[in-house]
Each structure stands twice: as structure tokens, then as C-alpha cells.
């Protein structure tokens, strides 16, 4: 019968063993209870052990037990937040499970005074004690900020304000501080337009604008530090400021990467001949308001940035060019081109003579007129 019971009924087998374990525990419990009630040693043991057990359950375990999950939660602690408000926020994000203990320990240890404002990536599963230490010592979160090529500093200031919470007015005042600009670049310039390198950065929340600008300018100037770049500047007889000025015009003109060096060669050719650059992006720079279709009267605006009116480079960059445009300004293609006309798809048709240019200009204008008539 026993063999059949063991082989054919696992449920009854488990119940059989559980009943015997329960019986043993029952006997053991009665023996312990008798020992506690009827012996001095038992009563002393309970008196000592019970408080320790309660202390472990209520304090030590919450303080020391952590269960890291590998997941982090980004938490923003505003300037002026009280320690209780920080605890409320931690609890709301399910990062804290013993709020009263957390607040009590913060007051007891003085760590409540060391909690900082900022943006933090806090790991899930930290113990109460680990969480207190983390808020005291953790670095601010690194926030990804992408700055596109060809924009002006005022647009960058808005991006940094939204992403990092910085003071955009302070950012702009530094960009247009001539003493600061000369300190960073070593050139006699009035502002840092053109020197703010566009790329993807990882900055801390509320990072001081001065640090952001210093880093961006250093990234631009790095492009001119190599021996090859220095030799090239000597060959051209140019300063980095002049290169950045031309690069900004290329950035404003080029929509096709492969055309950057060709556009650069066209402008270099015109500069060698002493011709006006006749670059539309420089007119857009001086026309008030958002970009629009240029009118004939716009070409008559009296400004040193009007490259239709004045030959040579304008006084400074008209945007903040990217690496491709800077390298194109340094290393133009070898072409005979002096003219170009926009095709309409972002590319250009390049010409050597005015006659050829006028032909392509008339042809593309006719195509535009046909397209416009069909769209009505």
C-alpha cells in the first residue's frame, strides 16, 4: 500500500509530510513557550531578543536592504525644495518606501541640509540609507542636447533654456560680451556668433552658461589646432575668424553636402578676383524678421553684411557653421565656377560665365513659373 501511495498520489504524499512537519513545529513551539514562561533564562532571552528583532524589522532592514533593478528614474529637485518635499517626490516616483524613517534619519544625521537641487538619475531599489547618501553625493544627470548647424546664438539660448533650465538672457549677454569673446578666441571680435560649435552635447542640468559657451568655443577652435590646419591658414593668409565667416555663408547656402566644397571654391574664386560674393544668406541675415523670399530692394540695404553692395567677406559669421562647412571653407574644390543658381530641389547649377549663368537662371525661372501655374 505504501509503494502505491508514494508512486501514484504525489498530492497525498506532500500532505503526509506537511502534517508531520506541522506536528514537529507544534511540539517545538510548546516547548519554547514552556521554557519562556517557567524559566528565568527564557524570560531574559525574550526581553533581549524581541527589541532587537523589532529594531531589525522596523529600522535596520529598511536602512540596509537594497534591491537594485538596473532601472533609473530621472528626478528633478527644484531650488528651495524642503527635505519633506524631496521625500514626497521620491515616494511618488516609488523610489522611497519608508518616508518617515527617511525624514527622521535626514534630520538626525544632518543630511537633510546636504540635499541639493538639480536633475538626478536615481537607481531603483536603493535602501533608505543608500538613498540619503546618493542625494548628498550624486552628480547631476547628463542631459542630451543637440544643436543643429547653421543657427544663431539666440536660438541656441532657447534650446538650452528648455533642456537645461539655464538663464537664456545670461547666455546671450555672454555671447555678445566682446571682452569675453576676445578672451576665448584671442581675436579682436565683438561677439561669439560663428564660434558656438553645433553638435550633440551632454551637459548637466543648470550648468552655468559660461561653462557651456567655453566648451562650445573650444570645440570650434580645435579644428584649427592641427599642424595641417595651421599650414592651411598660412597658405590662405586667413585667420580662423575669416574661415568661420566664409563657412557660415556656405552653411547658409548649401543643402547638399557634396556641394559645400564647390560653393566654397566659387566664393574663393570671387574673393581672389575682388568681386562681391553676392551671397543671399548674408542678405537674409540683415533683413528683419523670419527668412523670406528676397526682394530687389533688400539688395540695396546699406550694411557691411550686404555682400551684393560690398566686396570681400562680411565683418563676421552670420550663423554657427558645422564641421563640414568649416572644412569646406578651408579646403575648397578646384573649380573655375563664379556663378550659381538654385535649382529648386536644394541643389545648384554652377557656371563659369555670366552668359551661361543667365541661361540657367532664365531656364529655372521658367520651370518655376510652369509649376506655379499648374498648382493653381
Foldseek 3Di string as FASTA:
>chain_A
DVVCCVPPPVPVVVVVVVVVVVVVVVVVVVVLVCCLVPDPVNVVVCVPVVVVVVCCVQPVCLAPWFDFDVAWDKDFFAPPDALLNVLVRCVVVVQDDCSVNLVVVCVVVVLRVQQDGFIDTGTHGHGSNRVSVCRNDPDFFWWKFFFDFQAWLLVVLVSCCVGQVEDSVVLVVLQQPQVNCCVLQVDRDRGCFQQQAGGIGTDTRHDYSVVNRSVRNVVSCVVCPDPVNVVLCVVVVHDLFQLSQQLSLLQVQAPDLVCLLVLLQLQVLCLVVQAQLQRVLLLQLPDPDHDDDDDPVSLVDDDLSNSSVHHDTRPGHSHHGHPSSSVSNSRHDDDQFNDWDDQPPRDIDTDNDPVVRVVVVVVSVVVVVVVVVVVD
